[in-house]
C-alpha atoms as a PDB file:
ATOM      1  CA  MET A   1       0.000   0.000   0.000  1.00  0.00           C
ATOM      2  CA  THR A   2       1.203   3.470  -0.881  1.00  0.00           C
ATOM      3  CA  LYS A   3       2.554   5.284   2.181  1.00  0.00           C
ATOM      4  CA  LEU A   4       0.951   8.647   2.792  1.00  0.00           C
ATOM      5  CA  ILE A   5       1.887  11.181   5.464  1.00  0.00           C
ATOM      6  CA  LEU A   6      -0.432  14.068   6.267  1.00  0.00           C
ATOM      7  CA  HIS A   7       1.143  17.139   7.837  1.00  0.00           C
ATOM      8  CA  TYR A   8      -1.767  18.615   9.717  1.00  0.00           C
ATOM      9  CA  ALA A   9      -3.045  20.911  12.434  1.00  0.00           C
ATOM     10  CA  PRO A  10      -6.392  20.214  14.103  1.00  0.00           C
ATOM     11  CA  ASP A  11      -9.386  21.923  12.538  1.00  0.00           C
ATOM     12  CA  ASN A  12      -7.301  23.399   9.748  1.00  0.00           C
ATOM     13  CA  ALA A  13      -7.603  22.731   6.014  1.00  0.00           C
ATOM     14  CA  SER A  14      -5.908  19.403   6.653  1.00  0.00           C
ATOM     15  CA  LEU A  15      -9.278  18.306   8.057  1.00  0.00           C
ATOM     16  CA  ILE A  16     -10.559  18.282   4.478  1.00  0.00           C
ATOM     17  CA  ILE A  17      -7.832  15.860   3.461  1.00  0.00           C
ATOM     18  CA  ARG A  18      -8.304  13.706   6.576  1.00  0.00           C
ATOM     19  CA  LEU A  19     -11.991  13.285   5.701  1.00  0.00           C
ATOM     20  CA  ALA A  20     -11.113  12.301   2.134  1.00  0.00           C
ATOM     21  CA  LEU A  21      -8.415   9.831   3.200  1.00  0.00           C
ATOM     22  CA  ASP A  22     -10.745   8.192   5.697  1.00  0.00           C
ATOM     23  CA  HIS A  23     -13.502   8.021   3.091  1.00  0.00           C
ATOM     24  CA  LEU A  24     -11.124   6.121   0.817  1.00  0.00           C
ATOM     25  CA  ASN A  25     -10.050   3.847   3.703  1.00  0.00           C
ATOM     26  CA  LEU A  26      -6.431   4.685   2.969  1.00  0.00           C
ATOM     27  CA  PRO A  27      -3.869   4.124   5.705  1.00  0.00           C
ATOM     28  CA  PHE A  28      -1.907   7.265   6.466  1.00  0.00           C
ATOM     29  CA  GLU A  29       0.346   8.698   9.112  1.00  0.00           C
ATOM     30  CA  THR A  30      -0.036  12.160  10.589  1.00  0.00           C
ATOM     31  CA  VAL A  31       2.614  14.674  11.568  1.00  0.00           C
ATOM     32  CA  LEU A  32       1.486  17.572  13.734  1.00  0.00           C
ATOM     33  CA  VAL A  33       2.328  21.049  12.516  1.00  0.00           C
ATOM     34  CA  ASP A  34       2.166  22.897  15.824  1.00  0.00           C
ATOM     35  CA  ARG A  35       0.621  26.264  15.084  1.00  0.00           C
ATOM     36  CA  ALA A  36       1.110  27.360  18.701  1.00  0.00           C
ATOM     37  CA  SER A  37       4.848  27.483  17.987  1.00  0.00           C
ATOM     38  CA  ALA A  38       4.384  28.671  14.372  1.00  0.00           C
ATOM     39  CA  ALA A  39       5.782  25.378  13.089  1.00  0.00           C
ATOM     40  CA  GLN A  40       4.233  26.105   9.692  1.00  0.00           C
ATOM     41  CA  ARG A  41       6.947  28.732   9.246  1.00  0.00           C
ATOM     42  CA  ASP A  42       9.772  26.497  10.416  1.00  0.00           C
ATOM     43  CA  PRO A  43      12.480  26.084   7.742  1.00  0.00           C
ATOM     44  CA  ALA A  44      12.064  22.307   7.807  1.00  0.00           C
ATOM     45  CA  TYR A  45       8.366  22.591   6.994  1.00  0.00           C
ATOM     46  CA  LEU A  46       8.992  25.231   4.333  1.00  0.00           C
ATOM     47  CA  THR A  47      11.104  22.724   2.429  1.00  0.00           C
ATOM     48  CA  ILE A  48       7.965  20.680   1.737  1.00  0.00           C
ATOM     49  CA  ASN A  49       5.473  23.559   1.617  1.00  0.00           C
ATOM     50  CA  PRO A  50       7.140  26.859   0.754  1.00  0.00           C
ATOM     51  CA  ASN A  51       3.852  28.703   1.318  1.00  0.00           C
ATOM     52  CA  GLY A  52       3.951  27.855   5.023  1.00  0.00           C
ATOM     53  CA  LEU A  53       0.353  26.672   4.882  1.00  0.00           C
ATOM     54  CA  ILE A  54      -1.450  23.530   6.007  1.00  0.00           C
ATOM     55  CA  PRO A  55      -1.927  20.808   4.747  1.00  0.00           C
ATOM     56  CA  THR A  56       0.886  19.006   3.005  1.00  0.00           C
ATOM     57  CA  LEU A  57       0.568  15.387   1.917  1.00  0.00           C
ATOM     58  CA  ILE A  58       3.722  13.346   1.410  1.00  0.00           C
ATOM     59  CA  THR A  59       3.179  10.862  -1.399  1.00  0.00           C
ATOM     60  CA  PRO A  60       5.319   8.553  -3.559  1.00  0.00           C
ATOM     61  CA  ASP A  61       5.172  11.374  -6.125  1.00  0.00           C
ATOM     62  CA  GLY A  62       6.581  13.870  -3.647  1.00  0.00           C
ATOM     63  CA  ALA A  63       5.103  16.479  -1.335  1.00  0.00           C
ATOM     64  CA  ILE A  64       1.804  17.973  -2.484  1.00  0.00           C
ATOM     65  CA  PHE A  65       0.395  21.216  -1.121  1.00  0.00           C
ATOM     66  CA  GLU A  66      -2.824  23.083  -1.979  1.00  0.00           C
ATOM     67  CA  THR A  67      -5.987  21.364  -0.806  1.00  0.00           C
ATOM     68  CA  THR A  68      -7.619  21.037  -4.216  1.00  0.00           C
ATOM     69  CA  ALA A  69      -4.426  19.645  -5.730  1.00  0.00           C
ATOM     70  CA  ILE A  70      -4.258  16.976  -3.017  1.00  0.00           C
ATOM     71  CA  LEU A  71      -7.887  15.981  -3.577  1.00  0.00           C
ATOM     72  CA  LEU A  72      -7.356  15.723  -7.331  1.00  0.00           C
ATOM     73  CA  TRP A  73      -4.171  13.695  -6.832  1.00  0.00           C
ATOM     74  CA  LEU A  74      -6.046  11.267  -4.572  1.00  0.00           C
ATOM     75  CA  GLU A  75      -8.823  10.947  -7.125  1.00  0.00           C
ATOM     76  CA  GLY A  76      -6.325  10.361  -9.918  1.00  0.00           C
ATOM     77  CA  ARG A  77      -4.369   7.744  -7.966  1.00  0.00           C
ATOM     78  CA  PHE A  78      -7.148   5.914  -6.118  1.00  0.00           C
ATOM     79  CA  GLY A  79     -10.507   7.051  -7.493  1.00  0.00           C
ATOM     80  CA  GLY A  80     -13.594   7.196  -5.323  1.00  0.00           C
ATOM     81  CA  LEU A  81     -13.655  10.941  -4.670  1.00  0.00           C
ATOM     82  CA  MET A  82     -15.694  12.137  -7.642  1.00  0.00           C
ATOM     83  CA  PRO A  83     -19.196  11.145  -8.746  1.00  0.00           C
ATOM     84  CA  THR A  84     -19.610   8.862 -11.733  1.00  0.00           C
ATOM     85  CA  GLY A  85     -21.392   9.963 -14.890  1.00  0.00           C
ATOM     86  CA  ASP A  86     -19.942  12.624 -17.150  1.00  0.00           C
ATOM     87  CA  THR A  87     -22.441  15.393 -16.379  1.00  0.00           C
ATOM     88  CA  THR A  88     -22.450  14.880 -12.626  1.00  0.00           C
ATOM     89  CA  ARG A  89     -18.672  14.522 -12.528  1.00  0.00           C
ATOM     90  CA  THR A  90     -18.173  17.714 -14.531  1.00  0.00           C
ATOM     91  CA  SER A  91     -20.487  19.621 -12.218  1.00  0.00           C
ATOM     92  CA  ALA A  92     -18.716  18.313  -9.119  1.00  0.00           C
ATOM     93  CA  LEU A  93     -15.327  19.243 -10.580  1.00  0.00           C
ATOM     94  CA  LYS A  94     -16.530  22.758 -11.377  1.00  0.00           C
ATOM     95  CA  TRP A  95     -17.852  23.295  -7.860  1.00  0.00           C
ATOM     96  CA  LEU A  96     -14.750  21.749  -6.291  1.00  0.00           C
ATOM     97  CA  ILE A  97     -12.570  24.321  -8.042  1.00  0.00           C
ATOM     98  CA  TRP A  98     -15.057  27.054  -7.108  1.00  0.00           C
ATOM     99  CA  ILE A  99     -14.848  26.088  -3.442  1.00  0.00           C
ATOM    100  CA  GLY A 100     -11.044  26.130  -3.543  1.00  0.00           C
ATOM    101  CA  ASN A 101     -10.608  29.240  -5.699  1.00  0.00           C
ATOM    102  CA  THR A 102     -13.568  31.417  -4.674  1.00  0.00           C
ATOM    103  CA  LEU A 103     -15.209  30.447  -1.379  1.00  0.00           C
ATOM    104  CA  HIS A 104     -12.135  29.406   0.614  1.00  0.00           C
ATOM    105  CA  PRO A 105     -10.032  32.499  -0.268  1.00  0.00           C
ATOM    106  CA  SER A 106     -12.926  34.724   0.780  1.00  0.00           C
ATOM    107  CA  GLN A 107     -13.008  32.948   4.111  1.00  0.00           C
ATOM    108  CA  ARG A 108      -9.299  33.436   4.589  1.00  0.00           C
ATOM    109  CA  MET A 109      -9.768  37.180   4.136  1.00  0.00           C
ATOM    110  CA  MET A 110     -12.339  37.133   6.910  1.00  0.00           C
ATOM    111  CA  PHE A 111     -10.389  34.850   9.269  1.00  0.00           C
ATOM    112  CA  TYR A 112      -6.993  36.515   8.767  1.00  0.00           C
ATOM    113  CA  PRO A 113      -7.824  40.119   7.810  1.00  0.00           C
ATOM    114  CA  ASP A 114      -4.562  41.485   9.193  1.00  0.00           C
ATOM    115  CA  THR A 115      -2.694  39.669   6.422  1.00  0.00           C
ATOM    116  CA  TYR A 116      -4.772  41.458   3.766  1.00  0.00           C
ATOM    117  CA  THR A 117      -4.964  45.013   5.086  1.00  0.00           C
ATOM    118  CA  ASP A 118      -2.996  47.484   7.160  1.00  0.00           C
ATOM    119  CA  GLY A 119      -6.173  49.404   7.948  1.00  0.00           C
ATOM    120  CA  ASP A 120      -9.171  48.704  10.131  1.00  0.00           C
ATOM    121  CA  ILE A 121      -9.832  44.969   9.840  1.00  0.00           C
ATOM    122  CA  GLU A 122     -13.586  45.498  10.138  1.00  0.00           C
ATOM    123  CA  ASP A 123     -13.465  47.572   6.956  1.00  0.00           C
ATOM    124  CA  LEU A 124     -12.366  44.361   5.234  1.00  0.00           C
ATOM    125  CA  ARG A 125     -14.375  41.875   7.249  1.00  0.00           C
ATOM    126  CA  ALA A 126     -17.778  43.499   6.799  1.00  0.00           C
ATOM    127  CA  PRO A 127     -17.860  43.355   2.964  1.00  0.00           C
ATOM    128  CA  THR A 128     -16.208  39.932   3.065  1.00  0.00           C
ATOM    129  CA  ARG A 129     -19.031  38.586   5.237  1.00  0.00           C
ATOM    130  CA  ARG A 130     -21.522  39.908   2.706  1.00  0.00           C
ATOM    131  CA  ARG A 131     -19.576  38.307  -0.131  1.00  0.00           C
ATOM    132  CA  ILE A 132     -19.531  34.928   1.620  1.00  0.00           C
ATOM    133  CA  ALA A 133     -23.279  35.159   2.226  1.00  0.00           C
ATOM    134  CA  ARG A 134     -23.814  35.793  -1.499  1.00  0.00           C
ATOM    135  CA  LEU A 135     -21.562  32.880  -2.413  1.00  0.00           C
ATOM    136  CA  LEU A 136     -23.380  30.478  -0.116  1.00  0.00           C
ATOM    137  CA  THR A 137     -26.719  31.618  -1.511  1.00  0.00           C
ATOM    138  CA  LEU A 138     -25.403  31.034  -5.022  1.00  0.00           C
ATOM    139  CA  LEU A 139     -24.345  27.491  -4.111  1.00  0.00           C
ATOM    140  CA  SER A 140     -27.523  26.727  -2.209  1.00  0.00           C
ATOM    141  CA  ASP A 141     -29.656  27.805  -5.183  1.00  0.00           C
ATOM    142  CA  ALA A 142     -27.525  26.087  -7.823  1.00  0.00           C
ATOM    143  CA  LYS A 143     -29.485  23.583  -9.892  1.00  0.00           C
ATOM    144  CA  ASP A 144     -26.305  21.802 -11.017  1.00  0.00           C
ATOM    145  CA  ALA A 145     -24.898  21.147  -7.526  1.00  0.00           C
ATOM    146  CA  ASP A 146     -26.625  17.798  -7.107  1.00  0.00           C
ATOM    147  CA  TRP A 147     -23.502  16.453  -5.390  1.00  0.00           C
ATOM    148  CA  LEU A 148     -24.880  18.206  -2.303  1.00  0.00           C
ATOM    149  CA  GLU A 149     -27.545  15.499  -2.079  1.00  0.00           C
ATOM    150  CA  ALA A 150     -25.431  12.620  -3.404  1.00  0.00           C
ATOM    151  CA  ALA A 151     -22.910  10.350  -1.712  1.00  0.00           C
ATOM    152  CA  PRO A 152     -19.968  12.301  -0.254  1.00  0.00           C
ATOM    153  CA  SER A 153     -17.349  13.333  -2.783  1.00  0.00           C
ATOM    154  CA  ALA A 154     -14.380  15.685  -3.006  1.00  0.00           C
ATOM    155  CA  PRO A 155     -16.446  18.904  -2.981  1.00  0.00           C
ATOM    156  CA  SER A 156     -18.443  17.559  -0.019  1.00  0.00           C
ATOM    157  CA  PHE A 157     -15.323  17.029   2.055  1.00  0.00           C
ATOM    158  CA  TYR A 158     -14.104  20.501   1.149  1.00  0.00           C
ATOM    159  CA  LEU A 159     -17.380  22.307   1.814  1.00  0.00           C
ATOM    160  CA  ALA A 160     -18.330  20.811   5.184  1.00  0.00           C
ATOM    161  CA  PRO A 161     -15.333  22.237   7.120  1.00  0.00           C
ATOM    162  CA  LEU A 162     -15.808  25.628   5.456  1.00  0.00           C
ATOM    163  CA  LEU A 163     -19.385  25.765   6.729  1.00  0.00           C
ATOM    164  CA  ARG A 164     -18.070  24.885  10.171  1.00  0.00           C
ATOM    165  CA  TRP A 165     -15.506  27.670  10.134  1.00  0.00           C
ATOM    166  CA  CYS A 166     -18.056  30.268   9.065  1.00  0.00           C
ATOM    167  CA  ALA A 167     -19.874  29.624  12.334  1.00  0.00           C
ATOM    168  CA  ILE A 168     -16.752  29.704  14.533  1.00  0.00           C
ATOM    169  CA  TYR A 169     -14.615  32.467  13.062  1.00  0.00           C
ATOM    170  CA  GLY A 170     -15.059  35.897  11.567  1.00  0.00           C
ATOM    171  CA  GLY A 171     -16.942  37.650  14.357  1.00  0.00           C
ATOM    172  CA  ASP A 172     -19.967  37.018  16.545  1.00  0.00           C
ATOM    173  CA  HIS A 173     -23.497  36.355  15.324  1.00  0.00           C
ATOM    174  CA  TRP A 174     -22.825  36.985  11.652  1.00  0.00           C
ATOM    175  CA  PHE A 175     -23.575  33.495  10.333  1.00  0.00           C
ATOM    176  CA  ASP A 176     -26.380  30.967  10.810  1.00  0.00           C
ATOM    177  CA  LEU A 177     -26.312  27.854   8.642  1.00  0.00           C
ATOM    178  CA  ALA A 178     -30.074  27.472   9.171  1.00  0.00           C
ATOM    179  CA  ASP A 179     -30.455  30.433   6.795  1.00  0.00           C
ATOM    180  CA  TYR A 180     -29.440  28.008   4.033  1.00  0.00           C
ATOM    181  CA  PRO A 181     -31.738  24.976   4.454  1.00  0.00           C
ATOM    182  CA  ARG A 182     -30.159  23.003   1.620  1.00  0.00           C
ATOM    183  CA  LEU A 183     -26.676  23.465   3.043  1.00  0.00           C
ATOM    184  CA  PHE A 184     -27.907  22.696   6.550  1.00  0.00           C
ATOM    185  CA  ALA A 185     -29.371  19.391   5.315  1.00  0.00           C
ATOM    186  CA  PHE A 186     -26.060  18.668   3.577  1.00  0.00           C
ATOM    187  CA  ALA A 187     -24.168  19.340   6.811  1.00  0.00           C
ATOM    188  CA  GLN A 188     -26.490  17.032   8.741  1.00  0.00           C
ATOM    189  CA  ARG A 189     -25.759  14.191   6.326  1.00  0.00           C
ATOM    190  CA  MET A 190     -22.033  14.811   6.467  1.00  0.00           C
ATOM    191  CA  GLU A 191     -22.097  14.592  10.262  1.00  0.00           C
ATOM    192  CA  GLN A 192     -23.402  11.041   9.988  1.00  0.00           C
ATOM    193  CA  THR A 193     -20.520   9.737   7.878  1.00  0.00           C
ATOM    194  CA  GLU A 194     -17.809   7.541   9.318  1.00  0.00           C
ATOM    195  CA  PRO A 195     -15.014   9.956   8.294  1.00  0.00           C
ATOM    196  CA  ALA A 196     -16.771  12.695  10.292  1.00  0.00           C
ATOM    197  CA  PHE A 197     -17.107  10.431  13.340  1.00  0.00           C
ATOM    198  CA  ARG A 198     -13.381   9.678  13.208  1.00  0.00           C
ATOM    199  CA  ALA A 199     -12.504  13.368  12.810  1.00  0.00           C
ATOM    200  CA  MET A 200     -14.643  14.224  15.830  1.00  0.00           C
ATOM    201  CA  ARG A 201     -12.441  11.934  17.905  1.00  0.00           C
ATOM    202  CA  THR A 202      -9.039  12.644  16.402  1.00  0.00           C
ATOM    203  CA  GLU A 203      -9.413  16.441  16.197  1.00  0.00           C
ATOM    204  CA  GLY A 204     -11.812  17.108  19.084  1.00  0.00           C
ATOM    205  CA  LEU A 205     -14.547  18.621  16.931  1.00  0.00           C
ATOM    206  CA  GLY A 206     -17.513  17.904  19.181  1.00  0.00           C
ATOM    207  CA  ALA A 207     -20.707  15.985  18.481  1.00  0.00           C
ATOM    208  CA  HIS A 208     -22.115  18.321  15.801  1.00  0.00           C
ATOM    209  CA  PRO A 209     -19.074  19.713  13.999  1.00  0.00           C
ATOM    210  CA  PHE A 210     -20.927  21.017  10.938  1.00  0.00           C
ATOM    211  CA  THR A 211     -24.450  21.941  12.097  1.00  0.00           C
ATOM    212  CA  ALA A 212     -23.662  23.316  15.574  1.00  0.00           C
ATOM    213  CA  PRO A 213     -19.902  23.769  15.666  1.00  0.00           C
ATOM    214  CA  LYS A 214     -17.878  24.850  18.646  1.00  0.00           C
ATOM    215  CA  PRO A 215     -14.144  25.625  18.879  1.00  0.00           C
ATOM    216  CA  PRO A 216     -12.220  22.354  18.865  1.00  0.00           C
ATOM    217  CA  ASN A 217     -10.672  20.614  21.846  1.00  0.00           C
ATOM    218  CA  PRO A 218      -8.012  18.553  20.097  1.00  0.00           C
ATOM    219  CA  PRO A 219      -5.974  15.854  21.827  1.00  0.00           C
ATOM    220  CA  GLU A 220      -2.815  17.417  20.394  1.00  0.00           C
ATOM    221  CA  GLY A 221      -1.831  20.692  18.819  1.00  0.00           C
ATOM    222  CA  SER A 222      -3.732  23.910  18.322  1.00  0.00           C
ATOM    223  CA  ALA A 223      -6.186  25.048  15.663  1.00  0.00           C
ATOM    224  CA  VAL A 224      -4.834  28.601  15.675  1.00  0.00           C
END
């Protein structure tokens, strides 16, 4: 079996990859990137991920960074992460890239505003919250996002943690997943998957990590 090593921090983007790996029943080792000591900026870590971001997956093809790239590599090597059928698969691929290129970067601007502006962070956060709300409405209303109701796939594993983080980070009382009934139903289904159950234990995510999330209580490391 191919040896895989996931460099992770609890409740970081590595959670997306953990869910996917568990879904595929792939054995993998984990290496903690301790954010409390800024290990993501350690020279040793920068040799495998020069961006100083999490996650990194060590594979027989080398170190892979960027969450979407890792998901696509896993699909290419092992299969099982994308729906079958040309139309459904194309739609899922489109939305996967949208999540990685559009929704996730908007979240990062809200979660880490000081890295995007030298001014008042609320001047950046307020319009970013509105943008995220528009994006989630767009997804919730999309007629070609039937992967939301289908068996979990790559975009599912990417989206569920992002919904969680909207509720935890970015300011108080700005986000309620119940405002998006289709996405709330999706989150409920994701909570009942075996990969989610395992992540609850290994990363201390609580009993309802996607529908009623709370800050994590991980057995090791720090989420921030």
